[in-house]
Amino acid sequence: MERNMGMIETERIRNCFTRALSSYDKNADAQHRISRKLISLLPRYTGTHYDRALEIGCGTGGFTSCLKSSCRIRDWTLNDLCEVCKKPVNKLFPEQFPTFIIGDAEQITFAGKFDLIASASVFQWIKQPETFYRKLAGLLVPQGTLLFSTFAPGNLYEIRELTNRGLDYPPATKIQEWLSSDFRLLHCEEEEIVLTFTGPLDVLRHLKATGVTATGGNTWTRGMQEEFCNRYTLLFSTGKKQVKLTYRPLYMLAIKK
């Protein structure tokens, strides 16, 4: 029963991000900022040359593009839940397509060992994170690099406050604990990114356009939407005829022991 519920949840996430594919890049301002900051950690700590790299949750290729422009990687393996991501990502590799593996990274058996595993704004979706980090350690060569961003408690807190919906984000200390048996942590940093919108409906459009409605539940009635907008304006206005939405990214870079 638990396995079936997990499969249903995975399918719902896949469907939400598939529907958002055409609108994601134009609306994912926070995610693009996160990708640029995340990639800046590699030259500071471990360098930019890698033999084999695995990116988990490549999506439309925003972070892939950052990796490609900043690093020299001989052999690429890219993974995503959504098969439709393969086409836009392949456009980044006009000379030789990378290996593209479709499916849930928690369930997939990846072949071989990697000296870099990277992921941007994806690991918050992982259902069994402690087990997953142990799996990633097994996929890395000794002294291999794990680079990822996820989100910290307080991410999208405005939505949680008004709807009581959203993901449960483990604190950095818990993730450090999960990593400690297999990794040496070199960098851990939380950040706050505040986006502003002309009104609550634009917040909802932004979330839908970036696939974040995967955290949602039932369809809203007109009355529910009106109440949401009224309360959002009351509680989260900026004073400049705008409302805010808060992202709390968490950046981590670790080396396999």
C-alpha atoms as a PDB file:
ATOM      1  CA  MET A   1       0.000   0.000   0.000  1.00  0.00           C
ATOM      2  CA  GLU A   2       2.794   2.435   0.947  1.00  0.00           C
ATOM      3  CA  ARG A   3       4.649   1.634  -2.261  1.00  0.00           C
ATOM      4  CA  ASN A   4       1.506   2.285  -4.329  1.00  0.00           C
ATOM      5  CA  MET A   5       0.992   5.654  -2.620  1.00  0.00           C
ATOM      6  CA  GLY A   6       4.603   6.541  -3.374  1.00  0.00           C
ATOM      7  CA  MET A   7       4.132   5.672  -7.038  1.00  0.00           C
ATOM      8  CA  ILE A   8       0.976   7.804  -7.207  1.00  0.00           C
ATOM      9  CA  GLU A   9       2.838  10.747  -5.645  1.00  0.00           C
ATOM     10  CA  THR A  10       5.735  10.339  -8.089  1.00  0.00           C
ATOM     11  CA  GLU A  11       3.323  10.292 -11.018  1.00  0.00           C
ATOM     12  CA  ARG A  12       1.615  13.457  -9.758  1.00  0.00           C
ATOM     13  CA  ILE A  13       4.952  15.256  -9.500  1.00  0.00           C
ATOM     14  CA  ARG A  14       5.903  14.070 -12.997  1.00  0.00           C
ATOM     15  CA  ASN A  15       2.624  15.342 -14.440  1.00  0.00           C
ATOM     16  CA  CYS A  16       2.928  18.770 -12.785  1.00  0.00           C
ATOM     17  CA  PHE A  17       6.438  19.351 -14.094  1.00  0.00           C
ATOM     18  CA  THR A  18       5.595  17.999 -17.542  1.00  0.00           C
ATOM     19  CA  ARG A  19       2.735  20.504 -17.833  1.00  0.00           C
ATOM     20  CA  ALA A  20       5.089  23.298 -16.733  1.00  0.00           C
ATOM     21  CA  LEU A  21       7.832  22.457 -19.236  1.00  0.00           C
ATOM     22  CA  SER A  22       7.051  25.226 -21.743  1.00  0.00           C
ATOM     23  CA  SER A  23       6.681  27.921 -19.071  1.00  0.00           C
ATOM     24  CA  TYR A  24       9.379  26.881 -16.605  1.00  0.00           C
ATOM     25  CA  ASP A  25      12.434  28.716 -17.928  1.00  0.00           C
ATOM     26  CA  LYS A  26      10.657  32.078 -18.224  1.00  0.00           C
ATOM     27  CA  ASN A  27       9.285  31.898 -14.679  1.00  0.00           C
ATOM     28  CA  ALA A  28      11.948  30.085 -12.638  1.00  0.00           C
ATOM     29  CA  ASP A  29      13.812  33.225 -11.531  1.00  0.00           C
ATOM     30  CA  ALA A  30      14.724  31.867  -8.115  1.00  0.00           C
ATOM     31  CA  GLN A  31      15.809  28.498  -9.503  1.00  0.00           C
ATOM     32  CA  HIS A  32      18.095  30.140 -12.077  1.00  0.00           C
ATOM     33  CA  ARG A  33      19.721  32.268  -9.367  1.00  0.00           C
ATOM     34  CA  ILE A  34      20.207  29.131  -7.278  1.00  0.00           C
ATOM     35  CA  SER A  35      21.842  27.279 -10.176  1.00  0.00           C
ATOM     36  CA  ARG A  36      24.332  30.084 -10.788  1.00  0.00           C
ATOM     37  CA  LYS A  37      25.315  30.286  -7.132  1.00  0.00           C
ATOM     38  CA  LEU A  38      25.546  26.503  -6.773  1.00  0.00           C
ATOM     39  CA  ILE A  39      27.908  26.116  -9.715  1.00  0.00           C
ATOM     40  CA  SER A  40      30.188  28.825  -8.279  1.00  0.00           C
ATOM     41  CA  LEU A  41      31.096  26.455  -5.421  1.00  0.00           C
ATOM     42  CA  LEU A  42      32.979  23.974  -7.602  1.00  0.00           C
ATOM     43  CA  PRO A  43      36.001  26.136  -8.526  1.00  0.00           C
ATOM     44  CA  ARG A  44      36.221  27.307  -4.900  1.00  0.00           C
ATOM     45  CA  TYR A  45      36.507  23.794  -3.473  1.00  0.00           C
ATOM     46  CA  THR A  46      37.076  20.940  -5.923  1.00  0.00           C
ATOM     47  CA  GLY A  47      37.909  22.292  -9.366  1.00  0.00           C
ATOM     48  CA  THR A  48      36.104  22.054 -12.714  1.00  0.00           C
ATOM     49  CA  HIS A  49      37.482  18.921 -14.417  1.00  0.00           C
ATOM     50  CA  TYR A  50      35.548  15.654 -14.069  1.00  0.00           C
ATOM     51  CA  ASP A  51      35.669  12.344 -15.867  1.00  0.00           C
ATOM     52  CA  ARG A  52      32.092  11.145 -15.260  1.00  0.00           C
ATOM     53  CA  ALA A  53      29.251  13.308 -13.992  1.00  0.00           C
ATOM     54  CA  LEU A  54      25.665  12.492 -13.036  1.00  0.00           C
ATOM     55  CA  GLU A  55      23.034  15.205 -12.790  1.00  0.00           C
ATOM     56  CA  ILE A  56      19.835  14.246 -10.995  1.00  0.00           C
ATOM     57  CA  GLY A  57      16.657  16.065 -12.002  1.00  0.00           C
ATOM     58  CA  CYS A  58      18.062  17.970 -14.989  1.00  0.00           C
ATOM     59  CA  GLY A  59      14.658  19.346 -16.010  1.00  0.00           C
ATOM     60  CA  THR A  60      14.853  21.727 -18.958  1.00  0.00           C
ATOM     61  CA  GLY A  61      18.618  22.034 -18.604  1.00  0.00           C
ATOM     62  CA  GLY A  62      19.089  25.262 -16.666  1.00  0.00           C
ATOM     63  CA  PHE A  63      21.639  23.835 -14.255  1.00  0.00           C
ATOM     64  CA  THR A  64      23.004  21.517 -16.955  1.00  0.00           C
ATOM     65  CA  SER A  65      23.908  24.606 -18.962  1.00  0.00           C
ATOM     66  CA  CYS A  66      25.714  26.079 -15.946  1.00  0.00           C
ATOM     67  CA  LEU A  67      27.668  22.848 -15.489  1.00  0.00           C
ATOM     68  CA  LYS A  68      28.534  22.668 -19.166  1.00  0.00           C
ATOM     69  CA  SER A  69      29.794  26.240 -19.364  1.00  0.00           C
ATOM     70  CA  SER A  70      31.776  26.041 -16.107  1.00  0.00           C
ATOM     71  CA  CYS A  71      33.214  22.504 -16.135  1.00  0.00           C
ATOM     72  CA  ARG A  72      35.051  20.123 -18.408  1.00  0.00           C
ATOM     73  CA  ILE A  73      33.233  16.786 -18.194  1.00  0.00           C
ATOM     74  CA  ARG A  74      34.137  13.846 -20.404  1.00  0.00           C
ATOM     75  CA  ASP A  75      31.111  11.618 -19.872  1.00  0.00           C
ATOM     76  CA  TRP A  76      27.630  12.905 -18.949  1.00  0.00           C
ATOM     77  CA  THR A  77      24.678  11.022 -17.459  1.00  0.00           C
ATOM     78  CA  LEU A  78      21.495  13.048 -17.011  1.00  0.00           C
ATOM     79  CA  ASN A  79      18.384  11.943 -15.166  1.00  0.00           C
ATOM     80  CA  ASP A  80      14.861  13.283 -14.854  1.00  0.00           C
ATOM     81  CA  LEU A  81      11.374  12.029 -14.063  1.00  0.00           C
ATOM     82  CA  CYS A  82       9.982  13.614 -17.227  1.00  0.00           C
ATOM     83  CA  GLU A  83      10.780  12.071 -20.601  1.00  0.00           C
ATOM     84  CA  VAL A  84       9.908  15.333 -22.365  1.00  0.00           C
ATOM     85  CA  CYS A  85      13.010  16.945 -20.826  1.00  0.00           C
ATOM     86  CA  LYS A  86      15.275  14.878 -23.047  1.00  0.00           C
ATOM     87  CA  LYS A  87      14.718  16.997 -26.156  1.00  0.00           C
ATOM     88  CA  PRO A  88      15.554  20.453 -24.724  1.00  0.00           C
ATOM     89  CA  VAL A  89      18.535  19.090 -22.797  1.00  0.00           C
ATOM     90  CA  ASN A  90      19.957  17.329 -25.859  1.00  0.00           C
ATOM     91  CA  LYS A  91      20.061  20.712 -27.613  1.00  0.00           C
ATOM     92  CA  LEU A  92      22.824  21.679 -25.197  1.00  0.00           C
ATOM     93  CA  PHE A  93      24.981  18.874 -26.632  1.00  0.00           C
ATOM     94  CA  PRO A  94      25.072  19.378 -30.435  1.00  0.00           C
ATOM     95  CA  GLU A  95      28.104  17.157 -30.933  1.00  0.00           C
ATOM     96  CA  GLN A  96      27.316  14.142 -28.752  1.00  0.00           C
ATOM     97  CA  PHE A  97      24.171  13.472 -26.740  1.00  0.00           C
ATOM     98  CA  PRO A  98      24.623  12.534 -23.078  1.00  0.00           C
ATOM     99  CA  THR A  99      23.231   9.365 -21.565  1.00  0.00           C
ATOM    100  CA  PHE A 100      19.679  10.274 -20.505  1.00  0.00           C
ATOM    101  CA  ILE A 101      17.970   8.076 -17.912  1.00  0.00           C
ATOM    102  CA  ILE A 102      14.259   8.612 -17.299  1.00  0.00           C
ATOM    103  CA  GLY A 103      12.746   7.810 -13.930  1.00  0.00           C
ATOM    104  CA  ASP A 104      12.801   8.226 -10.177  1.00  0.00           C
ATOM    105  CA  ALA A 105      16.418   8.569  -9.007  1.00  0.00           C
ATOM    106  CA  GLU A 106      15.531   6.849  -5.729  1.00  0.00           C
ATOM    107  CA  GLN A 107      14.549   3.694  -7.645  1.00  0.00           C
ATOM    108  CA  ILE A 108      16.949   3.695 -10.604  1.00  0.00           C
ATOM    109  CA  THR A 109      20.095   1.572 -10.659  1.00  0.00           C
ATOM    110  CA  PHE A 110      22.792   3.776 -12.191  1.00  0.00           C
ATOM    111  CA  ALA A 111      25.701   2.022 -13.873  1.00  0.00           C
ATOM    112  CA  GLY A 112      29.307   2.610 -12.900  1.00  0.00           C
ATOM    113  CA  LYS A 113      30.915   5.201 -10.663  1.00  0.00           C
ATOM    114  CA  PHE A 114      30.975   8.985 -10.937  1.00  0.00           C
ATOM    115  CA  ASP A 115      33.410  11.592  -9.711  1.00  0.00           C
ATOM    116  CA  LEU A 116      30.716  14.284  -9.654  1.00  0.00           C
ATOM    117  CA  ILE A 117      27.039  14.007  -8.722  1.00  0.00           C
ATOM    118  CA  ALA A 118      25.161  17.289  -8.936  1.00  0.00           C
ATOM    119  CA  SER A 119      21.577  18.438  -8.544  1.00  0.00           C
ATOM    120  CA  ALA A 120      19.838  21.804  -8.256  1.00  0.00           C
ATOM    121  CA  SER A 121      16.487  22.363  -6.517  1.00  0.00           C
ATOM    122  CA  VAL A 122      15.481  18.691  -6.633  1.00  0.00           C
ATOM    123  CA  PHE A 123      16.336  16.851  -3.413  1.00  0.00           C
ATOM    124  CA  GLN A 124      13.390  18.365  -1.527  1.00  0.00           C
ATOM    125  CA  TRP A 125      11.244  15.851  -3.433  1.00  0.00           C
ATOM    126  CA  ILE A 126      13.197  12.821  -2.196  1.00  0.00           C
ATOM    127  CA  LYS A 127      10.965  10.604  -0.064  1.00  0.00           C
ATOM    128  CA  GLN A 128      13.691   8.750   1.890  1.00  0.00           C
ATOM    129  CA  PRO A 129      16.607  11.195   2.010  1.00  0.00           C
ATOM    130  CA  GLU A 130      18.885   9.361   4.434  1.00  0.00           C
ATOM    131  CA  THR A 131      18.754   6.210   2.304  1.00  0.00           C
ATOM    132  CA  PHE A 132      19.181   8.280  -0.846  1.00  0.00           C
ATOM    133  CA  TYR A 133      22.337  10.032   0.341  1.00  0.00           C
ATOM    134  CA  ARG A 134      23.796   6.651   1.214  1.00  0.00           C
ATOM    135  CA  LYS A 135      22.956   5.502  -2.319  1.00  0.00           C
ATOM    136  CA  LEU A 136      24.741   8.520  -3.805  1.00  0.00           C
ATOM    137  CA  ALA A 137      27.825   7.740  -1.730  1.00  0.00           C
ATOM    138  CA  GLY A 138      27.856   4.283  -3.274  1.00  0.00           C
ATOM    139  CA  LEU A 139      27.791   5.814  -6.760  1.00  0.00           C
ATOM    140  CA  LEU A 140      30.798   8.069  -6.163  1.00  0.00           C
ATOM    141  CA  VAL A 141      34.462   7.202  -6.478  1.00  0.00           C
ATOM    142  CA  PRO A 142      36.602   7.851  -3.382  1.00  0.00           C
ATOM    143  CA  GLN A 143      36.980  11.629  -2.967  1.00  0.00           C
ATOM    144  CA  GLY A 144      34.107  12.115  -5.417  1.00  0.00           C
ATOM    145  CA  THR A 145      32.099  15.342  -5.199  1.00  0.00           C
ATOM    146  CA  LEU A 146      28.438  15.704  -4.225  1.00  0.00           C
ATOM    147  CA  LEU A 147      27.053  19.152  -5.091  1.00  0.00           C
ATOM    148  CA  PHE A 148      23.412  20.011  -4.534  1.00  0.00           C
ATOM    149  CA  SER A 149      20.867  22.576  -3.513  1.00  0.00           C
ATOM    150  CA  THR A 150      17.616  21.859  -1.752  1.00  0.00           C
ATOM    151  CA  PHE A 151      15.356  24.033   0.407  1.00  0.00           C
ATOM    152  CA  ALA A 152      15.343  24.810   4.108  1.00  0.00           C
ATOM    153  CA  PRO A 153      12.463  25.209   6.576  1.00  0.00           C
ATOM    154  CA  GLY A 154      10.552  28.391   5.811  1.00  0.00           C
ATOM    155  CA  ASN A 155      10.658  27.863   2.053  1.00  0.00           C
ATOM    156  CA  LEU A 156       7.435  29.213   0.503  1.00  0.00           C
ATOM    157  CA  TYR A 157       6.192  29.860   4.025  1.00  0.00           C
ATOM    158  CA  GLU A 158       3.517  32.227   2.736  1.00  0.00           C
ATOM    159  CA  ILE A 159       1.795  29.338   0.954  1.00  0.00           C
ATOM    160  CA  ARG A 160       2.122  27.066   3.969  1.00  0.00           C
ATOM    161  CA  GLU A 161       0.683  29.743   6.257  1.00  0.00           C
ATOM    162  CA  LEU A 162      -2.454  30.201   4.163  1.00  0.00           C
ATOM    163  CA  THR A 163      -3.091  26.676   2.850  1.00  0.00           C
ATOM    164  CA  ASN A 164      -1.333  24.350   5.309  1.00  0.00           C
ATOM    165  CA  ARG A 165       0.100  22.607   2.239  1.00  0.00           C
ATOM    166  CA  GLY A 166       3.658  22.095   1.171  1.00  0.00           C
ATOM    167  CA  LEU A 167       6.704  19.932   1.609  1.00  0.00           C
ATOM    168  CA  ASP A 168       8.416  19.245   4.911  1.00  0.00           C
ATOM    169  CA  TYR A 169      11.937  20.624   4.623  1.00  0.00           C
ATOM    170  CA  PRO A 170      14.544  19.078   6.938  1.00  0.00           C
ATOM    171  CA  PRO A 171      16.948  21.576   8.540  1.00  0.00           C
ATOM    172  CA  ALA A 172      20.571  21.771   7.476  1.00  0.00           C
ATOM    173  CA  THR A 173      21.668  20.079  10.697  1.00  0.00           C
ATOM    174  CA  LYS A 174      19.604  16.985   9.853  1.00  0.00           C
ATOM    175  CA  ILE A 175      21.025  16.760   6.328  1.00  0.00           C
ATOM    176  CA  GLN A 176      24.533  17.142   7.741  1.00  0.00           C
ATOM    177  CA  GLU A 177      23.779  14.243  10.076  1.00  0.00           C
ATOM    178  CA  TRP A 178      22.611  12.080   7.160  1.00  0.00           C
ATOM    179  CA  LEU A 179      25.743  12.911   5.179  1.00  0.00           C
ATOM    180  CA  SER A 180      28.230  12.516   8.014  1.00  0.00           C
ATOM    181  CA  SER A 181      28.824   8.762   7.786  1.00  0.00           C
ATOM    182  CA  ASP A 182      29.883   8.842   4.124  1.00  0.00           C
ATOM    183  CA  PHE A 183      30.874  12.430   3.360  1.00  0.00           C
ATOM    184  CA  ARG A 184      33.087  15.258   4.515  1.00  0.00           C
ATOM    185  CA  LEU A 185      31.070  18.469   4.257  1.00  0.00           C
ATOM    186  CA  LEU A 186      32.968  21.409   2.750  1.00  0.00           C
ATOM    187  CA  HIS A 187      30.192  23.959   2.309  1.00  0.00           C
ATOM    188  CA  CYS A 188      26.745  24.500   3.811  1.00  0.00           C
ATOM    189  CA  GLU A 189      24.891  27.772   3.329  1.00  0.00           C
ATOM    190  CA  GLU A 190      21.307  28.956   3.606  1.00  0.00           C
ATOM    191  CA  GLU A 191      19.998  31.923   1.669  1.00  0.00           C
ATOM    192  CA  GLU A 192      16.752  33.851   1.391  1.00  0.00           C
ATOM    193  CA  ILE A 193      15.410  34.888  -2.007  1.00  0.00           C
ATOM    194  CA  VAL A 194      12.320  37.090  -1.950  1.00  0.00           C
ATOM    195  CA  LEU A 195      10.345  37.499  -5.172  1.00  0.00           C
ATOM    196  CA  THR A 196       7.670  40.161  -5.563  1.00  0.00           C
ATOM    197  CA  PHE A 197       4.488  40.036  -7.613  1.00  0.00           C
ATOM    198  CA  THR A 198       1.709  42.468  -8.444  1.00  0.00           C
ATOM    199  CA  GLY A 199      -0.821  40.296  -6.625  1.00  0.00           C
ATOM    200  CA  PRO A 200      -1.615  36.853  -5.177  1.00  0.00           C
ATOM    201  CA  LEU A 201      -2.957  35.536  -8.490  1.00  0.00           C
ATOM    202  CA  ASP A 202       0.458  36.174 -10.024  1.00  0.00           C
ATOM    203  CA  VAL A 203       2.005  34.148  -7.190  1.00  0.00           C
ATOM    204  CA  LEU A 204      -0.278  31.241  -8.055  1.00  0.00           C
ATOM    205  CA  ARG A 205       0.551  31.568 -11.756  1.00  0.00           C
ATOM    206  CA  HIS A 206       4.259  31.560 -10.916  1.00  0.00           C
ATOM    207  CA  LEU A 207       3.941  28.382  -8.861  1.00  0.00           C
ATOM    208  CA  LYS A 208       1.956  26.634 -11.584  1.00  0.00           C
ATOM    209  CA  ALA A 209       4.386  27.756 -14.299  1.00  0.00           C
ATOM    210  CA  THR A 210       7.327  26.274 -12.382  1.00  0.00           C
ATOM    211  CA  GLY A 211       5.616  23.004 -11.453  1.00  0.00           C
ATOM    212  CA  VAL A 212       5.481  23.767  -7.735  1.00  0.00           C
ATOM    213  CA  THR A 213       1.777  22.954  -7.698  1.00  0.00           C
ATOM    214  CA  ALA A 214       3.038  19.396  -7.276  1.00  0.00           C
ATOM    215  CA  THR A 215       2.726  20.221  -3.583  1.00  0.00           C
ATOM    216  CA  GLY A 216      -0.935  21.068  -3.948  1.00  0.00           C
ATOM    217  CA  GLY A 217      -4.084  19.149  -3.217  1.00  0.00           C
ATOM    218  CA  ASN A 218      -7.701  19.613  -4.167  1.00  0.00           C
ATOM    219  CA  THR A 219      -8.997  21.991  -6.830  1.00  0.00           C
ATOM    220  CA  TRP A 220      -9.967  25.379  -5.449  1.00  0.00           C
ATOM    221  CA  THR A 221     -13.420  26.898  -5.712  1.00  0.00           C
ATOM    222  CA  ARG A 222     -13.825  30.561  -6.635  1.00  0.00           C
ATOM    223  CA  GLY A 223     -14.599  31.349  -2.996  1.00  0.00           C
ATOM    224  CA  MET A 224     -11.451  29.584  -1.788  1.00  0.00           C
ATOM    225  CA  GLN A 225      -9.335  31.509  -4.286  1.00  0.00           C
ATOM    226  CA  GLU A 226     -10.873  34.843  -3.278  1.00  0.00           C
ATOM    227  CA  GLU A 227     -10.228  34.127   0.394  1.00  0.00           C
ATOM    228  CA  PHE A 228      -6.637  33.124  -0.365  1.00  0.00           C
ATOM    229  CA  CYS A 229      -6.032  36.331  -2.319  1.00  0.00           C
ATOM    230  CA  ASN A 230      -7.557  38.543   0.357  1.00  0.00           C
ATOM    231  CA  ARG A 231      -5.522  36.973   3.158  1.00  0.00           C
ATOM    232  CA  TYR A 232      -2.337  36.932   1.083  1.00  0.00           C
ATOM    233  CA  THR A 233      -2.670  40.652   0.377  1.00  0.00           C
ATOM    234  CA  LEU A 234      -3.372  41.356   4.038  1.00  0.00           C
ATOM    235  CA  LEU A 235      -0.457  39.343   5.399  1.00  0.00           C
ATOM    236  CA  PHE A 236       2.264  39.489   2.762  1.00  0.00           C
ATOM    237  CA  SER A 237       2.106  42.877   1.061  1.00  0.00           C
ATOM    238  CA  THR A 238       5.414  44.719   0.652  1.00  0.00           C
ATOM    239  CA  GLY A 239       3.976  48.216   1.051  1.00  0.00           C
ATOM    240  CA  LYS A 240       4.616  48.959  -2.627  1.00  0.00           C
ATOM    241  CA  LYS A 241       1.383  47.532  -3.994  1.00  0.00           C
ATOM    242  CA  GLN A 242       3.083  44.171  -4.342  1.00  0.00           C
ATOM    243  CA  VAL A 243       3.133  40.864  -2.480  1.00  0.00           C
ATOM    244  CA  LYS A 244       6.124  38.656  -1.710  1.00  0.00           C
ATOM    245  CA  LEU A 245       7.028  34.993  -1.985  1.00  0.00           C
ATOM    246  CA  THR A 246      10.038  33.612  -0.108  1.00  0.00           C
ATOM    247  CA  TYR A 247      12.441  30.899  -1.225  1.00  0.00           C
ATOM    248  CA  ARG A 248      15.021  29.547   1.238  1.00  0.00           C
ATOM    249  CA  PRO A 249      17.638  27.613  -0.745  1.00  0.00           C
ATOM    250  CA  LEU A 250      20.239  25.475   0.986  1.00  0.00           C
ATOM    251  CA  TYR A 251      23.573  24.895  -0.779  1.00  0.00           C
ATOM    252  CA  MET A 252      25.819  21.945   0.038  1.00  0.00           C
ATOM    253  CA  LEU A 253      29.077  20.562  -1.288  1.00  0.00           C
ATOM    254  CA  ALA A 254      30.564  17.385   0.175  1.00  0.00           C
ATOM    255  CA  ILE A 255      33.381  14.959  -0.609  1.00  0.00           C
ATOM    256  CA  LYS A 256      33.040  11.206  -0.254  1.00  0.00           C
ATOM    257  CA  LYS A 257      35.271   9.900   2.508  1.00  0.00           C
END
